[in-house]
Amino acid sequence: LFGDILTDIGAAIAGGIGLSASGNLDVTAVNPSMFEPVHGSAPDIAGQGKADPTATVLSVAMMLDHLGEQEAAMAVEKAVTEDLATRGDAVRSTSAIGDDLVGRLGG
């Protein structure tokens, strides 16, 4: 619970929750760790292709790093960084953003 509050505060300081990833870690590995975007599920726009999946993808990068897959995590972060640098004001659908990120990963 406290980690969730802290990620919300951090996201607000950074300018918004739209791109903020989060992780609730058990560094002892006794219990599972959980990774998710800070912004939540946005059920009001479900199925409309309006949600930006970038925070979810960044949460995946955090999970990969936590699992010891640093090279994969860095590749995902690089793909997101490149995408954000070229994004501009273009409006893309959820699947278009996902497809673009996968393309940047070589998929």
PDB file of N, CA and C in Angstrom:
ATOM      1  N   LEU A   1       0.823  -1.194   0.000  1.00  0.00           N
ATOM      2  CA  LEU A   1       0.000   0.000   0.000  1.00  0.00           C
ATOM      3  C   LEU A   1       0.864   1.254   0.000  1.00  0.00           C
ATOM      4  N   PHE A   2       1.885   1.283   0.850  1.00  0.00           N
ATOM      5  CA  PHE A   2       2.716   2.482   0.926  1.00  0.00           C
ATOM      6  C   PHE A   2       3.511   2.684  -0.356  1.00  0.00           C
ATOM      7  N   GLY A   3       3.952   1.574  -0.974  1.00  0.00           N
ATOM      8  CA  GLY A   3       4.656   1.682  -2.249  1.00  0.00           C
ATOM      9  C   GLY A   3       3.769   2.283  -3.315  1.00  0.00           C
ATOM     10  N   ASP A   4       2.492   1.920  -3.300  1.00  0.00           N
ATOM     11  CA  ASP A   4       1.544   2.455  -4.272  1.00  0.00           C
ATOM     12  C   ASP A   4       1.374   3.959  -4.085  1.00  0.00           C
ATOM     13  N   ILE A   5       1.292   4.381  -2.852  1.00  0.00           N
ATOM     14  CA  ILE A   5       1.168   5.817  -2.567  1.00  0.00           C
ATOM     15  C   ILE A   5       2.415   6.556  -3.038  1.00  0.00           C
ATOM     16  N   LEU A   6       3.575   5.982  -2.766  1.00  0.00           N
ATOM     17  CA  LEU A   6       4.827   6.626  -3.167  1.00  0.00           C
ATOM     18  C   LEU A   6       4.957   6.726  -4.682  1.00  0.00           C
ATOM     19  N   THR A   7       4.535   5.680  -5.419  1.00  0.00           N
ATOM     20  CA  THR A   7       4.629   5.760  -6.878  1.00  0.00           C
ATOM     21  C   THR A   7       3.675   6.810  -7.426  1.00  0.00           C
ATOM     22  N   ASP A   8       2.506   6.949  -6.822  1.00  0.00           N
ATOM     23  CA  ASP A   8       1.575   8.000  -7.252  1.00  0.00           C
ATOM     24  C   ASP A   8       2.171   9.389  -7.020  1.00  0.00           C
ATOM     25  N   ILE A   9       2.803   9.576  -5.874  1.00  0.00           N
ATOM     26  CA  ILE A   9       3.432  10.870  -5.579  1.00  0.00           C
ATOM     27  C   ILE A   9       4.573  11.134  -6.555  1.00  0.00           C
ATOM     28  N   GLY A  10       5.402  10.127  -6.782  1.00  0.00           N
ATOM     29  CA  GLY A  10       6.513  10.276  -7.727  1.00  0.00           C
ATOM     30  C   GLY A  10       6.028  10.608  -9.123  1.00  0.00           C
ATOM     31  N   ALA A  11       4.956   9.954  -9.549  1.00  0.00           N
ATOM     32  CA  ALA A  11       4.398  10.224 -10.872  1.00  0.00           C
ATOM     33  C   ALA A  11       3.874  11.649 -10.964  1.00  0.00           C
ATOM     34  N   ALA A  12       3.229  12.111  -9.911  1.00  0.00           N
ATOM     35  CA  ALA A  12       2.710  13.482  -9.910  1.00  0.00           C
ATOM     36  C   ALA A  12       3.847  14.491  -9.997  1.00  0.00           C
ATOM     37  N   ILE A  13       4.928  14.230  -9.282  1.00  0.00           N
ATOM     38  CA  ILE A  13       6.085  15.128  -9.327  1.00  0.00           C
ATOM     39  C   ILE A  13       6.691  15.155 -10.723  1.00  0.00           C
ATOM     40  N   ALA A  14       6.685  14.005 -11.393  1.00  0.00           N
ATOM     41  CA  ALA A  14       7.263  13.904 -12.736  1.00  0.00           C
ATOM     42  C   ALA A  14       6.364  14.519 -13.802  1.00  0.00           C
ATOM     43  N   GLY A  15       5.137  14.859 -13.466  1.00  0.00           N
ATOM     44  CA  GLY A  15       4.277  15.528 -14.420  1.00  0.00           C
ATOM     45  C   GLY A  15       3.038  14.761 -14.824  1.00  0.00           C
ATOM     46  N   GLY A  16       2.870  13.541 -14.363  1.00  0.00           N
ATOM     47  CA  GLY A  16       1.665  12.803 -14.681  1.00  0.00           C
ATOM     48  C   GLY A  16       1.859  11.314 -14.514  1.00  0.00           C
ATOM     49  N   ILE A  17       0.733  10.596 -14.467  1.00  0.00           N
ATOM     50  CA  ILE A  17       0.802   9.158 -14.264  1.00  0.00           C
ATOM     51  C   ILE A  17       0.763   8.368 -15.567  1.00  0.00           C
ATOM     52  N   GLY A  18       0.614   9.031 -16.680  1.00  0.00           N
ATOM     53  CA  GLY A  18       0.432   8.347 -17.956  1.00  0.00           C
ATOM     54  C   GLY A  18       1.582   7.479 -18.414  1.00  0.00           C
ATOM     55  N   LEU A  19       2.798   7.791 -18.008  1.00  0.00           N
ATOM     56  CA  LEU A  19       3.963   7.008 -18.429  1.00  0.00           C
ATOM     57  C   LEU A  19       4.671   6.345 -17.257  1.00  0.00           C
ATOM     58  N   SER A  20       4.081   6.379 -16.096  1.00  0.00           N
ATOM     59  CA  SER A  20       4.769   5.913 -14.896  1.00  0.00           C
ATOM     60  C   SER A  20       4.543   4.431 -14.629  1.00  0.00           C
ATOM     61  N   ALA A  21       5.655   3.713 -14.529  1.00  0.00           N
ATOM     62  CA  ALA A  21       5.632   2.295 -14.184  1.00  0.00           C
ATOM     63  C   ALA A  21       5.843   2.159 -12.682  1.00  0.00           C
ATOM     64  N   SER A  22       5.458   1.014 -12.134  1.00  0.00           N
ATOM     65  CA  SER A  22       5.700   0.792 -10.714  1.00  0.00           C
ATOM     66  C   SER A  22       5.934  -0.686 -10.448  1.00  0.00           C
ATOM     67  N   GLY A  23       6.570  -0.933  -9.318  1.00  0.00           N
ATOM     68  CA  GLY A  23       6.795  -2.304  -8.889  1.00  0.00           C
ATOM     69  C   GLY A  23       6.731  -2.386  -7.378  1.00  0.00           C
ATOM     70  N   ASN A  24       6.070  -3.401  -6.887  1.00  0.00           N
ATOM     71  CA  ASN A  24       6.047  -3.710  -5.457  1.00  0.00           C
ATOM     72  C   ASN A  24       6.939  -4.929  -5.281  1.00  0.00           C
ATOM     73  N   LEU A  25       8.137  -4.715  -4.754  1.00  0.00           N
ATOM     74  CA  LEU A  25       9.167  -5.743  -4.743  1.00  0.00           C
ATOM     75  C   LEU A  25       9.320  -6.418  -3.394  1.00  0.00           C
ATOM     76  N   ASP A  26       9.487  -7.723  -3.447  1.00  0.00           N
ATOM     77  CA  ASP A  26       9.962  -8.465  -2.287  1.00  0.00           C
ATOM     78  C   ASP A  26      11.363  -8.930  -2.646  1.00  0.00           C
ATOM     79  N   VAL A  27      12.353  -8.179  -2.205  1.00  0.00           N
ATOM     80  CA  VAL A  27      13.737  -8.473  -2.581  1.00  0.00           C
ATOM     81  C   VAL A  27      14.241  -9.773  -1.971  1.00  0.00           C
ATOM     82  N   THR A  28      13.506 -10.316  -0.994  1.00  0.00           N
ATOM     83  CA  THR A  28      13.891 -11.603  -0.415  1.00  0.00           C
ATOM     84  C   THR A  28      13.445 -12.765  -1.297  1.00  0.00           C
ATOM     85  N   ALA A  29      12.554 -12.509  -2.224  1.00  0.00           N
ATOM     86  CA  ALA A  29      11.984 -13.523  -3.124  1.00  0.00           C
ATOM     87  C   ALA A  29      11.153 -14.561  -2.375  1.00  0.00           C
ATOM     88  N   VAL A  30      10.759 -14.260  -1.146  1.00  0.00           N
ATOM     89  CA  VAL A  30       9.879 -15.146  -0.395  1.00  0.00           C
ATOM     90  C   VAL A  30       8.458 -15.038  -0.938  1.00  0.00           C
ATOM     91  N   ASN A  31       8.070 -13.831  -1.262  1.00  0.00           N
ATOM     92  CA  ASN A  31       6.743 -13.558  -1.806  1.00  0.00           C
ATOM     93  C   ASN A  31       6.902 -13.017  -3.222  1.00  0.00           C
ATOM     94  N   PRO A  32       5.861 -13.134  -4.035  1.00  0.00           N
ATOM     95  CA  PRO A  32       5.983 -12.605  -5.400  1.00  0.00           C
ATOM     96  C   PRO A  32       6.051 -11.079  -5.414  1.00  0.00           C
ATOM     97  N   SER A  33       6.707 -10.565  -6.420  1.00  0.00           N
ATOM     98  CA  SER A  33       6.716  -9.125  -6.668  1.00  0.00           C
ATOM     99  C   SER A  33       5.660  -8.824  -7.721  1.00  0.00           C
ATOM    100  N   MET A  34       5.177  -7.588  -7.747  1.00  0.00           N
ATOM    101  CA  MET A  34       4.114  -7.213  -8.681  1.00  0.00           C
ATOM    102  C   MET A  34       4.521  -5.942  -9.416  1.00  0.00           C
ATOM    103  N   PHE A  35       4.249  -5.919 -10.703  1.00  0.00           N
ATOM    104  CA  PHE A  35       4.605  -4.777 -11.542  1.00  0.00           C
ATOM    105  C   PHE A  35       3.365  -4.318 -12.294  1.00  0.00           C
ATOM    106  N   GLU A  36       3.152  -3.003 -12.336  1.00  0.00           N
ATOM    107  CA  GLU A  36       1.966  -2.471 -13.006  1.00  0.00           C
ATOM    108  C   GLU A  36       2.166  -0.993 -13.312  1.00  0.00           C
ATOM    109  N   PRO A  37       1.413  -0.487 -14.290  1.00  0.00           N
ATOM    110  CA  PRO A  37       1.453   0.959 -14.524  1.00  0.00           C
ATOM    111  C   PRO A  37       0.772   1.669 -13.359  1.00  0.00           C
ATOM    112  N   VAL A  38       1.211   2.873 -13.068  1.00  0.00           N
ATOM    113  CA  VAL A  38       0.622   3.641 -11.975  1.00  0.00           C
ATOM    114  C   VAL A  38      -0.810   4.046 -12.304  1.00  0.00           C
ATOM    115  N   HIS A  39      -1.103   4.247 -13.589  1.00  0.00           N
ATOM    116  CA  HIS A  39      -2.374   4.856 -13.979  1.00  0.00           C
ATOM    117  C   HIS A  39      -3.599   3.992 -13.803  1.00  0.00           C
ATOM    118  N   GLY A  40      -3.499   2.721 -13.568  1.00  0.00           N
ATOM    119  CA  GLY A  40      -4.674   1.887 -13.377  1.00  0.00           C
ATOM    120  C   GLY A  40      -5.226   1.349 -14.682  1.00  0.00           C
ATOM    121  N   SER A  41      -6.467   0.891 -14.647  1.00  0.00           N
ATOM    122  CA  SER A  41      -7.027   0.151 -15.780  1.00  0.00           C
ATOM    123  C   SER A  41      -7.882   0.961 -16.746  1.00  0.00           C
ATOM    124  N   ALA A  42      -8.347   2.118 -16.389  1.00  0.00           N
ATOM    125  CA  ALA A  42      -9.165   2.995 -17.248  1.00  0.00           C
ATOM    126  C   ALA A  42     -10.350   2.267 -17.883  1.00  0.00           C
ATOM    127  N   PRO A  43     -11.247   1.692 -17.070  1.00  0.00           N
ATOM    128  CA  PRO A  43     -12.378   0.956 -17.635  1.00  0.00           C
ATOM    129  C   PRO A  43     -13.314   1.816 -18.484  1.00  0.00           C
ATOM    130  N   ASP A  44     -13.279   3.121 -18.297  1.00  0.00           N
ATOM    131  CA  ASP A  44     -14.150   4.008 -19.073  1.00  0.00           C
ATOM    132  C   ASP A  44     -13.772   4.061 -20.548  1.00  0.00           C
ATOM    133  N   ILE A  45     -12.547   3.665 -20.890  1.00  0.00           N
ATOM    134  CA  ILE A  45     -12.139   3.668 -22.304  1.00  0.00           C
ATOM    135  C   ILE A  45     -11.774   2.261 -22.786  1.00  0.00           C
ATOM    136  N   ALA A  46     -12.154   1.249 -22.013  1.00  0.00           N
ATOM    137  CA  ALA A  46     -11.845  -0.138 -22.380  1.00  0.00           C
ATOM    138  C   ALA A  46     -12.410  -0.475 -23.755  1.00  0.00           C
ATOM    139  N   GLY A  47     -11.593  -1.130 -24.563  1.00  0.00           N
ATOM    140  CA  GLY A  47     -12.020  -1.583 -25.882  1.00  0.00           C
ATOM    141  C   GLY A  47     -12.071  -0.515 -26.951  1.00  0.00           C
ATOM    142  N   GLN A  48     -11.695   0.712 -26.627  1.00  0.00           N
ATOM    143  CA  GLN A  48     -11.763   1.807 -27.592  1.00  0.00           C
ATOM    144  C   GLN A  48     -10.438   2.087 -28.288  1.00  0.00           C
ATOM    145  N   GLY A  49      -9.373   1.432 -27.863  1.00  0.00           N
ATOM    146  CA  GLY A  49      -8.067   1.648 -28.484  1.00  0.00           C
ATOM    147  C   GLY A  49      -7.447   2.990 -28.149  1.00  0.00           C
ATOM    148  N   LYS A  50      -7.875   3.603 -27.045  1.00  0.00           N
ATOM    149  CA  LYS A  50      -7.381   4.934 -26.663  1.00  0.00           C
ATOM    150  C   LYS A  50      -6.279   4.892 -25.604  1.00  0.00           C
ATOM    151  N   ALA A  51      -6.169   3.798 -24.889  1.00  0.00           N
ATOM    152  CA  ALA A  51      -5.211   3.719 -23.780  1.00  0.00           C
ATOM    153  C   ALA A  51      -3.785   3.620 -24.315  1.00  0.00           C
ATOM    154  N   ASP A  52      -2.892   4.372 -23.722  1.00  0.00           N
ATOM    155  CA  ASP A  52      -1.474   4.325 -24.087  1.00  0.00           C
ATOM    156  C   ASP A  52      -0.820   3.214 -23.267  1.00  0.00           C
ATOM    157  N   PRO A  53      -0.293   2.175 -23.915  1.00  0.00           N
ATOM    158  CA  PRO A  53       0.286   1.039 -23.187  1.00  0.00           C
ATOM    159  C   PRO A  53       1.717   1.266 -22.698  1.00  0.00           C
ATOM    160  N   THR A  54       2.263   2.457 -22.891  1.00  0.00           N
ATOM    161  CA  THR A  54       3.678   2.688 -22.600  1.00  0.00           C
ATOM    162  C   THR A  54       4.030   2.431 -21.139  1.00  0.00           C
ATOM    163  N   ALA A  55       3.205   2.851 -20.196  1.00  0.00           N
ATOM    164  CA  ALA A  55       3.503   2.610 -18.781  1.00  0.00           C
ATOM    165  C   ALA A  55       3.502   1.116 -18.468  1.00  0.00           C
ATOM    166  N   THR A  56       2.632   0.370 -19.111  1.00  0.00           N
ATOM    167  CA  THR A  56       2.621  -1.080 -18.926  1.00  0.00           C
ATOM    168  C   THR A  56       3.908  -1.685 -19.455  1.00  0.00           C
ATOM    169  N   VAL A  57       4.343  -1.224 -20.616  1.00  0.00           N
ATOM    170  CA  VAL A  57       5.585  -1.721 -21.210  1.00  0.00           C
ATOM    171  C   VAL A  57       6.776  -1.379 -20.313  1.00  0.00           C
ATOM    172  N   LEU A  58       6.789  -0.190 -19.742  1.00  0.00           N
ATOM    173  CA  LEU A  58       7.866   0.172 -18.819  1.00  0.00           C
ATOM    174  C   LEU A  58       7.821  -0.673 -17.546  1.00  0.00           C
ATOM    175  N   SER A  59       6.624  -1.081 -17.128  1.00  0.00           N
ATOM    176  CA  SER A  59       6.506  -1.990 -15.987  1.00  0.00           C
ATOM    177  C   SER A  59       7.108  -3.349 -16.323  1.00  0.00           C
ATOM    178  N   VAL A  60       6.932  -3.776 -17.560  1.00  0.00           N
ATOM    179  CA  VAL A  60       7.555  -5.023 -18.019  1.00  0.00           C
ATOM    180  C   VAL A  60       9.077  -4.905 -17.949  1.00  0.00           C
ATOM    181  N   ALA A  61       9.614  -3.749 -18.347  1.00  0.00           N
ATOM    182  CA  ALA A  61      11.065  -3.537 -18.263  1.00  0.00           C
ATOM    183  C   ALA A  61      11.537  -3.641 -16.814  1.00  0.00           C
ATOM    184  N   MET A  62      10.765  -3.081 -15.891  1.00  0.00           N
ATOM    185  CA  MET A  62      11.116  -3.190 -14.470  1.00  0.00           C
ATOM    186  C   MET A  62      11.109  -4.643 -14.020  1.00  0.00           C
ATOM    187  N   MET A  63      10.112  -5.398 -14.470  1.00  0.00           N
ATOM    188  CA  MET A  63      10.017  -6.807 -14.106  1.00  0.00           C
ATOM    189  C   MET A  63      11.202  -7.592 -14.666  1.00  0.00           C
ATOM    190  N   LEU A  64      11.536  -7.338 -15.923  1.00  0.00           N
ATOM    191  CA  LEU A  64      12.674  -8.024 -16.529  1.00  0.00           C
ATOM    192  C   LEU A  64      13.957  -7.747 -15.754  1.00  0.00           C
ATOM    193  N   ASP A  65      14.159  -6.503 -15.369  1.00  0.00           N
ATOM    194  CA  ASP A  65      15.341  -6.149 -14.589  1.00  0.00           C
ATOM    195  C   ASP A  65      15.347  -6.884 -13.252  1.00  0.00           C
ATOM    196  N   HIS A  66      14.206  -6.923 -12.598  1.00  0.00           N
ATOM    197  CA  HIS A  66      14.075  -7.611 -11.306  1.00  0.00           C
ATOM    198  C   HIS A  66      14.378  -9.105 -11.446  1.00  0.00           C
ATOM    199  N   LEU A  67      14.027  -9.678 -12.581  1.00  0.00           N
ATOM    200  CA  LEU A  67      14.256 -11.106 -12.821  1.00  0.00           C
ATOM    201  C   LEU A  67      15.672 -11.405 -13.299  1.00  0.00           C
ATOM    202  N   GLY A  68      16.497 -10.365 -13.388  1.00  0.00           N
ATOM    203  CA  GLY A  68      17.879 -10.568 -13.804  1.00  0.00           C
ATOM    204  C   GLY A  68      18.102 -10.502 -15.299  1.00  0.00           C
ATOM    205  N   GLU A  69      17.103 -10.069 -16.033  1.00  0.00           N
ATOM    206  CA  GLU A  69      17.186  -9.968 -17.496  1.00  0.00           C
ATOM    207  C   GLU A  69      17.493  -8.523 -17.885  1.00  0.00           C
ATOM    208  N   GLN A  70      18.666  -8.041 -17.447  1.00  0.00           N
ATOM    209  CA  GLN A  70      19.017  -6.637 -17.651  1.00  0.00           C
ATOM    210  C   GLN A  70      19.104  -6.258 -19.125  1.00  0.00           C
ATOM    211  N   GLU A  71      19.644  -7.131 -19.953  1.00  0.00           N
ATOM    212  CA  GLU A  71      19.774  -6.807 -21.379  1.00  0.00           C
ATOM    213  C   GLU A  71      18.403  -6.611 -22.020  1.00  0.00           C
ATOM    214  N   ALA A  72      17.473  -7.494 -21.698  1.00  0.00           N
ATOM    215  CA  ALA A  72      16.116  -7.367 -22.235  1.00  0.00           C
ATOM    216  C   ALA A  72      15.438  -6.110 -21.692  1.00  0.00           C
ATOM    217  N   ALA A  73      15.634  -5.834 -20.408  1.00  0.00           N
ATOM    218  CA  ALA A  73      15.048  -4.632 -19.804  1.00  0.00           C
ATOM    219  C   ALA A  73      15.570  -3.379 -20.487  1.00  0.00           C
ATOM    220  N   MET A  74      16.869  -3.341 -20.735  1.00  0.00           N
ATOM    221  CA  MET A  74      17.463  -2.173 -21.392  1.00  0.00           C
ATOM    222  C   MET A  74      16.951  -2.024 -22.820  1.00  0.00           C
ATOM    223  N   ALA A  75      16.719  -3.129 -23.514  1.00  0.00           N
ATOM    224  CA  ALA A  75      16.191  -3.066 -24.880  1.00  0.00           C
ATOM    225  C   ALA A  75      14.781  -2.483 -24.880  1.00  0.00           C
ATOM    226  N   VAL A  76      13.962  -2.900 -23.927  1.00  0.00           N
ATOM    227  CA  VAL A  76      12.594  -2.373 -23.824  1.00  0.00           C
ATOM    228  C   VAL A  76      12.635  -0.881 -23.497  1.00  0.00           C
ATOM    229  N   GLU A  77      13.467  -0.490 -22.541  1.00  0.00           N
ATOM    230  CA  GLU A  77      13.576   0.928 -22.186  1.00  0.00           C
ATOM    231  C   GLU A  77      14.071   1.762 -23.363  1.00  0.00           C
ATOM    232  N   LYS A  78      15.001   1.225 -24.128  1.00  0.00           N
ATOM    233  CA  LYS A  78      15.517   1.935 -25.310  1.00  0.00           C
ATOM    234  C   LYS A  78      14.412   2.112 -26.349  1.00  0.00           C
ATOM    235  N   ALA A  79      13.618   1.068 -26.569  1.00  0.00           N
ATOM    236  CA  ALA A  79      12.517   1.153 -27.530  1.00  0.00           C
ATOM    237  C   ALA A  79      11.522   2.228 -27.112  1.00  0.00           C
ATOM    238  N   VAL A  80      11.203   2.281 -25.829  1.00  0.00           N
ATOM    239  CA  VAL A  80      10.268   3.295 -25.332  1.00  0.00           C
ATOM    240  C   VAL A  80      10.865   4.691 -25.470  1.00  0.00           C
ATOM    241  N   THR A  81      12.134   4.842 -25.113  1.00  0.00           N
ATOM    242  CA  THR A  81      12.796   6.149 -25.222  1.00  0.00           C
ATOM    243  C   THR A  81      12.780   6.647 -26.656  1.00  0.00           C
ATOM    244  N   GLU A  82      13.101   5.763 -27.601  1.00  0.00           N
ATOM    245  CA  GLU A  82      13.089   6.147 -29.018  1.00  0.00           C
ATOM    246  C   GLU A  82      11.683   6.514 -29.473  1.00  0.00           C
ATOM    247  N   ASP A  83      10.701   5.749 -29.022  1.00  0.00           N
ATOM    248  CA  ASP A  83       9.316   6.028 -29.401  1.00  0.00           C
ATOM    249  C   ASP A  83       8.869   7.382 -28.863  1.00  0.00           C
ATOM    250  N   LEU A  84       9.186   7.656 -27.618  1.00  0.00           N
ATOM    251  CA  LEU A  84       8.798   8.940 -27.022  1.00  0.00           C
ATOM    252  C   LEU A  84       9.479  10.111 -27.723  1.00  0.00           C
ATOM    253  N   ALA A  85      10.719   9.913 -28.146  1.00  0.00           N
ATOM    254  CA  ALA A  85      11.469  10.990 -28.807  1.00  0.00           C
ATOM    255  C   ALA A  85      10.881  11.355 -30.161  1.00  0.00           C
ATOM    256  N   THR A  86      10.196  10.419 -30.797  1.00  0.00           N
ATOM    257  CA  THR A  86       9.637  10.671 -32.128  1.00  0.00           C
ATOM    258  C   THR A  86       8.122  10.834 -32.107  1.00  0.00           C
ATOM    259  N   ARG A  87       7.524  10.737 -30.955  1.00  0.00           N
ATOM    260  CA  ARG A  87       6.069  10.722 -30.839  1.00  0.00           C
ATOM    261  C   ARG A  87       5.429  12.044 -31.234  1.00  0.00           C
ATOM    262  N   GLY A  88       5.938  13.150 -30.752  1.00  0.00           N
ATOM    263  CA  GLY A  88       5.326  14.439 -31.055  1.00  0.00           C
ATOM    264  C   GLY A  88       3.893  14.498 -30.569  1.00  0.00           C
ATOM    265  N   ASP A  89       3.039  15.132 -31.355  1.00  0.00           N
ATOM    266  CA  ASP A  89       1.628  15.267 -31.003  1.00  0.00           C
ATOM    267  C   ASP A  89       0.751  14.237 -31.697  1.00  0.00           C
ATOM    268  N   ALA A  90       1.368  13.273 -32.358  1.00  0.00           N
ATOM    269  CA  ALA A  90       0.602  12.266 -33.091  1.00  0.00           C
ATOM    270  C   ALA A  90      -0.277  11.460 -32.137  1.00  0.00           C
ATOM    271  N   VAL A  91      -1.501  11.209 -32.571  1.00  0.00           N
ATOM    272  CA  VAL A  91      -2.418  10.371 -31.806  1.00  0.00           C
ATOM    273  C   VAL A  91      -2.415   8.990 -32.446  1.00  0.00           C
ATOM    274  N   ARG A  92      -2.072   7.982 -31.654  1.00  0.00           N
ATOM    275  CA  ARG A  92      -2.053   6.602 -32.148  1.00  0.00           C
ATOM    276  C   ARG A  92      -2.922   5.740 -31.254  1.00  0.00           C
ATOM    277  N   SER A  93      -3.405   4.669 -31.821  1.00  0.00           N
ATOM    278  CA  SER A  93      -4.210   3.733 -31.048  1.00  0.00           C
ATOM    279  C   SER A  93      -3.308   2.895 -30.141  1.00  0.00           C
ATOM    280  N   THR A  94      -3.936   2.214 -29.207  1.00  0.00           N
ATOM    281  CA  THR A  94      -3.215   1.317 -28.306  1.00  0.00           C
ATOM    282  C   THR A  94      -2.399   0.311 -29.100  1.00  0.00           C
ATOM    283  N   SER A  95      -3.029  -0.323 -30.073  1.00  0.00           N
ATOM    284  CA  SER A  95      -2.324  -1.349 -30.851  1.00  0.00           C
ATOM    285  C   SER A  95      -1.232  -0.751 -31.725  1.00  0.00           C
ATOM    286  N   ALA A  96      -1.423   0.458 -32.226  1.00  0.00           N
ATOM    287  CA  ALA A  96      -0.386   1.096 -33.049  1.00  0.00           C
ATOM    288  C   ALA A  96       0.859   1.388 -32.217  1.00  0.00           C
ATOM    289  N   ILE A  97       0.663   1.871 -30.999  1.00  0.00           N
ATOM    290  CA  ILE A  97       1.812   2.114 -30.119  1.00  0.00           C
ATOM    291  C   ILE A  97       2.512   0.793 -29.819  1.00  0.00           C
ATOM    292  N   GLY A  98       1.740  -0.222 -29.494  1.00  0.00           N
ATOM    293  CA  GLY A  98       2.320  -1.539 -29.231  1.00  0.00           C
ATOM    294  C   GLY A  98       3.082  -2.076 -30.423  1.00  0.00           C
ATOM    295  N   ASP A  99       2.495  -1.962 -31.609  1.00  0.00           N
ATOM    296  CA  ASP A  99       3.167  -2.427 -32.829  1.00  0.00           C
ATOM    297  C   ASP A  99       4.468  -1.665 -33.068  1.00  0.00           C
ATOM    298  N   ASP A 100       4.439  -0.359 -32.850  1.00  0.00           N
ATOM    299  CA  ASP A 100       5.649   0.453 -33.032  1.00  0.00           C
ATOM    300  C   ASP A 100       6.744   0.044 -32.049  1.00  0.00           C
ATOM    301  N   LEU A 101       6.368  -0.224 -30.805  1.00  0.00           N
ATOM    302  CA  LEU A 101       7.355  -0.641 -29.810  1.00  0.00           C
ATOM    303  C   LEU A 101       7.932  -2.013 -30.151  1.00  0.00           C
ATOM    304  N   VAL A 102       7.087  -2.923 -30.571  1.00  0.00           N
ATOM    305  CA  VAL A 102       7.568  -4.252 -30.979  1.00  0.00           C
ATOM    306  C   VAL A 102       8.507  -4.124 -32.166  1.00  0.00           C
ATOM    307  N   GLY A 103       8.171  -3.254 -33.110  1.00  0.00           N
ATOM    308  CA  GLY A 103       9.040  -3.023 -34.261  1.00  0.00           C
ATOM    309  C   GLY A 103      10.404  -2.503 -33.851  1.00  0.00           C
ATOM    310  N   ARG A 104      10.434  -1.638 -32.855  1.00  0.00           N
ATOM    311  CA  ARG A 104      11.712  -1.102 -32.369  1.00  0.00           C
ATOM    312  C   ARG A 104      12.536  -2.170 -31.652  1.00  0.00           C
ATOM    313  N   LEU A 105      11.867  -3.214 -31.189  1.00  0.00           N
ATOM    314  CA  LEU A 105      12.568  -4.327 -30.541  1.00  0.00           C
ATOM    315  C   LEU A 105      13.019  -5.378 -31.554  1.00  0.00           C
ATOM    316  N   GLY A 106      12.696  -5.136 -32.822  1.00  0.00           N
ATOM    317  CA  GLY A 106      13.111  -6.064 -33.867  1.00  0.00           C
ATOM    318  C   GLY A 106      12.117  -7.172 -34.141  1.00  0.00           C
ATOM    319  N   GLY A 107      10.905  -7.029 -33.606  1.00  0.00           N
ATOM    320  CA  GLY A 107       9.902  -8.081 -33.774  1.00  0.00           C
ATOM    321  C   GLY A 107       8.956  -7.841 -34.909  1.00  0.00           C
TER     322      GLY A 107
END
